[in-house]
Amino acid sequence: MEPLSFKKMHGSGNDFILIDNRKGKIKNSRWPDLAVRLCRRKFGIGADGLILIENSHTADFKWRFFNADGSEAEMCGNGGRCAARFACLAGIAPRELSFETKAGVIHADVRGSAVKLQLPKLKDLKLDIPVEIYSKILLMHCLNTGVPHAVYFTQDLESVPIFEWGRLIRFDSCFQPAGTNANFVQVFDRHNILIRTYERGVENETMACGTGAVASAILSACKDLTDSPVKVKTRGGEVLTVYFHLDGQEVRDVFLKGETVLVYSGEINTTAI
């Protein structure tokens, strides 16, 4: 193949490679392998995920999102915000736009570098699920915000071994066969929390996770620890804002807002990967 044009973007340090594939230049049989090769740091471009922009008959565009390990994800909050801004910058979509995902049609509002994303209907809300980690019982709280998330609340986030606990939770039998993303959260007050996330598909801690921020904010409200809007400080240091309406355990009108950064545009020689 001839060189591929791409843009590298990130939302709160959660980084992505974005490619306009509306002309079908990259065939779908190559997508998972391409994601692995492009996302591999030091050898490829390096990223947490690959986003391909495609044509849609029902929205402004459709995306296909692949994690760094080549697995396809239904939804990604920070990736969705980057995709919305990418489409806006490329003239693919207006500032107020919608796009197809495997989790449903997502709506977004792009205002400069800030993007406010409306999430699809949430599901599978569960509280106080006991999970055993190294003979210690952790009470996990779960919510699917387009992808599955488990959340553990702690009073000292820095003391938690994120990689070790996150990996065990991600593959715990409670969350099979799909597995889960594992979030660790410290609540500061009614409108501010700190989060660290072990992401399924990346198989490591990431600088931020948009859908994890949403799950953590809502579950903290379900435990009567916070109220909307909730500001979520990520491992990368940036702050995401989560808006929602909670009535008992019924959640609606869920939005994620934060900055996006266009890092650079370029071409990659496919023979190098």
Protein backbone atom coordinates (compact mmCIF):
# COMPACT_ATOMS: atom_id res chain seq x y z
CA MET A 1 0.00 0.00 0.00
CA GLU A 2 1.04 3.61 -0.53
CA PRO A 3 1.70 5.75 2.58
CA LEU A 4 -1.26 6.25 4.92
CA SER A 5 -2.27 9.76 5.97
CA PHE A 6 -3.29 10.09 9.59
CA LYS A 7 -3.74 12.45 12.49
CA LYS A 8 -2.52 11.80 16.02
CA MET A 9 -4.85 13.18 18.69
CA HIS A 10 -5.41 12.78 22.40
CA GLY A 11 -8.04 13.52 25.00
CA SER A 12 -6.56 13.90 28.49
CA GLY A 13 -3.52 11.85 27.43
CA ASN A 14 -5.63 9.01 26.02
CA ASP A 15 -4.10 8.96 22.51
CA PHE A 16 -5.43 7.80 19.16
CA ILE A 17 -4.53 7.45 15.49
CA LEU A 18 -7.32 8.72 13.22
CA ILE A 19 -7.65 7.84 9.53
CA ASP A 20 -10.27 8.98 7.03
CA ASN A 21 -11.31 5.68 5.42
CA ARG A 22 -14.47 6.88 3.68
CA LYS A 23 -13.07 5.77 0.30
CA GLY A 24 -12.45 2.26 1.62
CA LYS A 25 -8.70 2.40 1.11
CA ILE A 26 -8.13 0.08 4.08
CA LYS A 27 -10.11 -3.16 3.72
CA ASN A 28 -11.85 -4.46 6.84
CA SER A 29 -9.90 -7.72 6.85
CA ARG A 30 -6.76 -5.68 7.63
CA TRP A 31 -8.18 -3.49 10.42
CA PRO A 32 -7.24 -5.52 13.54
CA ASP A 33 -3.71 -6.25 12.34
CA LEU A 34 -3.24 -2.64 11.24
CA ALA A 35 -4.34 -1.42 14.68
CA VAL A 36 -1.73 -3.58 16.39
CA ARG A 37 1.04 -2.42 14.06
CA LEU A 38 0.18 1.28 14.06
CA CYS A 39 -0.44 1.49 17.81
CA ARG A 40 2.75 -0.30 18.79
CA ARG A 41 4.97 2.24 20.51
CA LYS A 42 8.59 2.56 19.33
CA PHE A 43 7.83 0.54 16.17
CA GLY A 44 4.66 2.18 14.81
CA ILE A 45 3.07 5.56 15.50
CA GLY A 46 2.11 4.58 19.02
CA ALA A 47 -1.36 5.01 20.54
CA ASP A 48 -4.02 3.51 22.77
CA GLY A 49 -6.30 2.93 19.80
CA LEU A 50 -7.00 3.28 16.08
CA ILE A 51 -10.09 5.11 14.80
CA LEU A 52 -11.27 4.68 11.20
CA ILE A 53 -13.83 7.16 9.87
CA GLU A 54 -16.31 5.63 7.42
CA ASN A 55 -19.42 6.67 5.50
CA SER A 56 -22.83 6.44 7.16
CA HIS A 57 -26.38 6.44 5.81
CA THR A 58 -27.94 7.47 9.13
CA ALA A 59 -25.43 9.91 10.71
CA ASP A 60 -22.66 12.31 9.68
CA PHE A 61 -20.17 9.44 9.71
CA LYS A 62 -19.51 6.00 11.16
CA TRP A 63 -16.48 4.95 13.11
CA ARG A 64 -14.70 1.69 13.77
CA PHE A 65 -12.61 1.73 16.93
CA PHE A 66 -9.80 -0.74 17.62
CA ASN A 67 -7.78 -1.08 20.79
CA ALA A 68 -4.01 -1.35 20.66
CA ASP A 69 -4.27 -5.15 20.84
CA GLY A 70 -6.47 -5.27 17.73
CA SER A 71 -9.75 -5.95 19.55
CA GLU A 72 -12.72 -3.86 18.46
CA ALA A 73 -14.53 -1.79 21.10
CA GLU A 74 -18.12 -0.63 21.00
CA MET A 75 -17.41 2.81 22.45
CA CYS A 76 -14.65 5.06 23.78
CA GLY A 77 -15.43 8.43 25.36
CA ASN A 78 -12.12 10.19 24.73
CA GLY A 79 -11.82 8.55 21.32
CA GLY A 80 -15.33 9.72 20.50
CA ARG A 81 -14.44 13.29 21.40
CA CYS A 82 -11.32 13.13 19.22
CA ALA A 83 -13.28 11.60 16.33
CA ALA A 84 -15.86 14.38 16.52
CA ARG A 85 -13.22 17.09 16.36
CA PHE A 86 -11.34 15.24 13.59
CA ALA A 87 -14.52 15.11 11.49
CA CYS A 88 -15.23 18.77 12.15
CA LEU A 89 -11.68 19.85 11.19
CA ALA A 90 -11.79 17.73 8.02
CA GLY A 91 -15.14 19.16 6.91
CA ILE A 92 -16.79 15.75 7.24
CA ALA A 93 -19.35 16.99 9.77
CA PRO A 94 -20.64 20.27 11.27
CA ARG A 95 -19.94 21.37 14.85
CA GLU A 96 -23.14 19.71 16.08
CA LEU A 97 -22.88 16.19 14.72
CA SER A 98 -23.73 12.54 15.17
CA PHE A 99 -21.85 9.34 14.37
CA GLU A 100 -22.53 5.62 14.36
CA THR A 101 -20.81 3.29 16.80
CA LYS A 102 -21.45 -0.29 17.84
CA ALA A 103 -22.95 1.16 21.02
CA GLY A 104 -25.45 3.24 19.06
CA VAL A 105 -25.56 6.71 17.51
CA ILE A 106 -23.51 9.26 19.46
CA HIS A 107 -24.16 13.02 19.42
CA ALA A 108 -21.43 15.60 19.93
CA ASP A 109 -20.97 19.36 20.09
CA VAL A 110 -17.56 20.66 19.00
CA ARG A 111 -16.54 24.11 20.23
CA GLY A 112 -12.94 24.73 19.28
CA SER A 113 -10.83 22.15 21.08
CA ALA A 114 -13.59 21.39 23.61
CA VAL A 115 -16.00 18.59 22.77
CA LYS A 116 -19.16 17.65 24.67
CA LEU A 117 -20.28 14.10 23.92
CA GLN A 118 -23.66 12.56 24.71
CA LEU A 119 -23.31 8.92 25.68
CA PRO A 120 -25.71 6.14 24.64
CA LYS A 121 -28.18 4.63 27.09
CA LEU A 122 -26.33 3.07 30.01
CA LYS A 123 -26.99 -0.45 31.23
CA ASP A 124 -26.00 -3.19 33.66
CA LEU A 125 -25.74 -1.01 36.76
CA LYS A 126 -24.75 -3.20 39.73
CA LEU A 127 -23.50 -2.23 43.18
CA ASP A 128 -21.43 -3.97 45.85
CA ILE A 129 -20.13 -6.98 43.91
CA PRO A 130 -17.49 -8.82 45.98
CA VAL A 131 -14.29 -9.64 44.10
CA GLU A 132 -11.39 -11.43 45.79
CA ILE A 133 -7.91 -10.04 45.10
CA TYR A 134 -4.97 -11.61 46.93
CA SER A 135 -7.29 -12.84 49.72
CA LYS A 136 -8.75 -9.34 50.04
CA ILE A 137 -12.43 -8.74 49.22
CA LEU A 138 -13.03 -5.64 47.14
CA LEU A 139 -16.56 -4.31 46.70
CA MET A 140 -16.87 -3.41 43.03
CA HIS A 141 -19.58 -1.34 41.39
CA CYS A 142 -20.36 -1.87 37.71
CA LEU A 143 -21.87 0.07 34.83
CA ASN A 144 -21.78 -0.32 31.05
CA THR A 145 -21.25 3.12 29.48
CA GLY A 146 -20.89 1.70 25.98
CA VAL A 147 -18.23 -0.68 27.28
CA PRO A 148 -18.18 -2.47 30.67
CA HIS A 149 -16.59 -0.81 33.68
CA ALA A 150 -15.97 -1.90 37.27
CA VAL A 151 -15.19 0.75 39.89
CA TYR A 152 -13.48 0.47 43.27
CA PHE A 153 -13.50 3.38 45.72
CA THR A 154 -10.44 3.98 47.88
CA GLN A 155 -9.33 6.66 50.34
CA ASP A 156 -5.72 6.48 49.11
CA LEU A 157 -5.49 6.07 45.35
CA GLU A 158 -1.70 6.24 45.19
CA SER A 159 -1.37 3.16 47.42
CA VAL A 160 -3.34 0.94 45.01
CA PRO A 161 -1.25 -1.32 42.70
CA ILE A 162 -3.20 -0.37 39.58
CA PHE A 163 -1.62 -2.78 37.11
CA GLU A 164 -1.73 -5.86 39.37
CA TRP A 165 -5.25 -5.31 40.73
CA GLY A 166 -6.55 -3.97 37.43
CA ARG A 167 -5.42 -7.01 35.49
CA LEU A 168 -6.94 -9.42 38.01
CA ILE A 169 -10.26 -7.56 38.03
CA ARG A 170 -10.27 -7.27 34.23
CA PHE A 171 -10.09 -11.09 33.90
CA ASP A 172 -12.09 -12.03 37.02
CA SER A 173 -14.74 -14.71 36.50
CA CYS A 174 -17.46 -12.23 37.60
CA PHE A 175 -16.93 -10.26 34.40
CA GLN A 176 -16.48 -12.99 31.82
CA PRO A 177 -16.66 -13.69 28.95
CA ALA A 178 -16.12 -10.09 27.78
CA GLY A 179 -14.03 -8.94 30.73
CA THR A 180 -14.15 -5.41 32.10
CA ASN A 181 -12.23 -2.17 32.44
CA ALA A 182 -11.10 -1.57 36.03
CA ASN A 183 -11.30 1.90 37.59
CA PHE A 184 -9.93 3.03 40.94
CA VAL A 185 -11.43 6.19 42.37
CA GLN A 186 -10.79 8.58 45.24
CA VAL A 187 -13.60 11.02 46.08
CA PHE A 188 -12.52 14.49 47.22
CA ASP A 189 -15.91 16.20 47.62
CA ARG A 190 -19.42 16.21 46.13
CA HIS A 191 -18.18 17.41 42.72
CA ASN A 192 -14.57 16.22 42.40
CA ILE A 193 -13.00 12.79 42.06
CA LEU A 194 -9.62 11.36 41.03
CA ILE A 195 -9.44 8.30 38.78
CA ARG A 196 -6.92 5.76 37.50
CA THR A 197 -7.96 3.14 34.94
CA TYR A 198 -6.70 -0.22 33.73
CA GLU A 199 -8.12 -0.49 30.21
CA ARG A 200 -9.28 -3.68 28.59
CA GLY A 201 -7.68 -4.00 25.14
CA VAL A 202 -4.74 -1.78 26.05
CA GLU A 203 -4.02 -4.18 28.94
CA ASN A 204 -2.37 -1.50 31.03
CA GLU A 205 -3.10 1.74 32.83
CA THR A 206 -3.88 4.64 30.49
CA MET A 207 -3.58 8.37 31.10
CA ALA A 208 -7.37 8.69 30.91
CA CYS A 209 -10.54 6.81 30.00
CA GLY A 210 -13.64 8.77 29.05
CA THR A 211 -16.20 6.00 29.50
CA GLY A 212 -14.44 5.08 32.76
CA ALA A 213 -14.73 8.68 33.96
CA VAL A 214 -18.46 8.58 33.21
CA ALA A 215 -18.96 5.24 34.98
CA SER A 216 -16.98 6.42 38.01
CA ALA A 217 -18.86 9.71 38.29
CA ILE A 218 -22.28 8.07 38.05
CA LEU A 219 -21.47 5.18 40.39
CA SER A 220 -20.09 7.60 42.95
CA ALA A 221 -23.43 9.42 42.77
CA CYS A 222 -25.28 6.10 43.14
CA LYS A 223 -23.29 5.57 46.36
CA ASP A 224 -24.33 9.10 47.47
CA LEU A 225 -20.76 10.38 47.31
CA THR A 226 -21.17 12.99 44.54
CA ASP A 227 -23.69 15.09 42.64
CA SER A 228 -23.79 16.13 38.97
CA PRO A 229 -21.75 17.68 37.46
CA VAL A 230 -18.69 15.71 38.55
CA LYS A 231 -15.18 16.85 37.64
CA VAL A 232 -12.92 13.86 37.09
CA LYS A 233 -9.16 14.40 37.34
CA THR A 234 -7.36 11.87 35.19
CA ARG A 235 -3.93 10.27 35.56
CA GLY A 236 -2.71 12.59 32.80
CA GLY A 237 -3.63 15.57 34.98
CA GLU A 238 -6.49 16.92 32.89
CA VAL A 239 -10.05 17.26 34.11
CA LEU A 240 -13.12 15.78 32.40
CA THR A 241 -16.61 16.92 33.35
CA VAL A 242 -19.49 14.44 33.54
CA TYR A 243 -23.10 15.65 33.49
CA PHE A 244 -26.06 13.37 34.22
CA HIS A 245 -29.48 13.10 35.77
CA LEU A 246 -29.90 10.41 38.41
CA ASP A 247 -33.28 9.30 39.75
CA GLY A 248 -32.70 6.37 42.09
CA GLN A 249 -30.70 4.05 39.85
CA GLU A 250 -32.21 5.41 36.64
CA VAL A 251 -29.63 7.45 34.73
CA ARG A 252 -30.33 9.70 31.76
CA ASP A 253 -28.97 12.75 29.90
CA VAL A 254 -25.34 11.68 30.25
CA PHE A 255 -22.64 13.94 28.78
CA LEU A 256 -18.85 13.93 28.83
CA LYS A 257 -16.99 17.19 28.22
CA GLY A 258 -13.28 17.87 27.87
CA GLU A 259 -10.47 19.21 25.72
CA THR A 260 -9.02 17.46 22.67
CA VAL A 261 -5.53 17.99 21.28
CA LEU A 262 -4.40 17.59 17.67
CA VAL A 263 -0.80 16.51 18.19
CA TYR A 264 0.33 16.20 14.58
CA SER A 265 -0.61 15.13 11.05
CA GLY A 266 1.54 12.80 9.00
CA GLU A 267 2.01 9.85 6.70
CA ILE A 268 3.36 6.44 7.57
CA ASN A 269 5.06 4.11 5.14
CA THR A 270 3.16 0.85 5.50
CA THR A 271 6.24 -1.18 4.63
CA ALA A 272 7.72 0.04 7.93
CA ILE A 273 5.02 -1.71 9.92
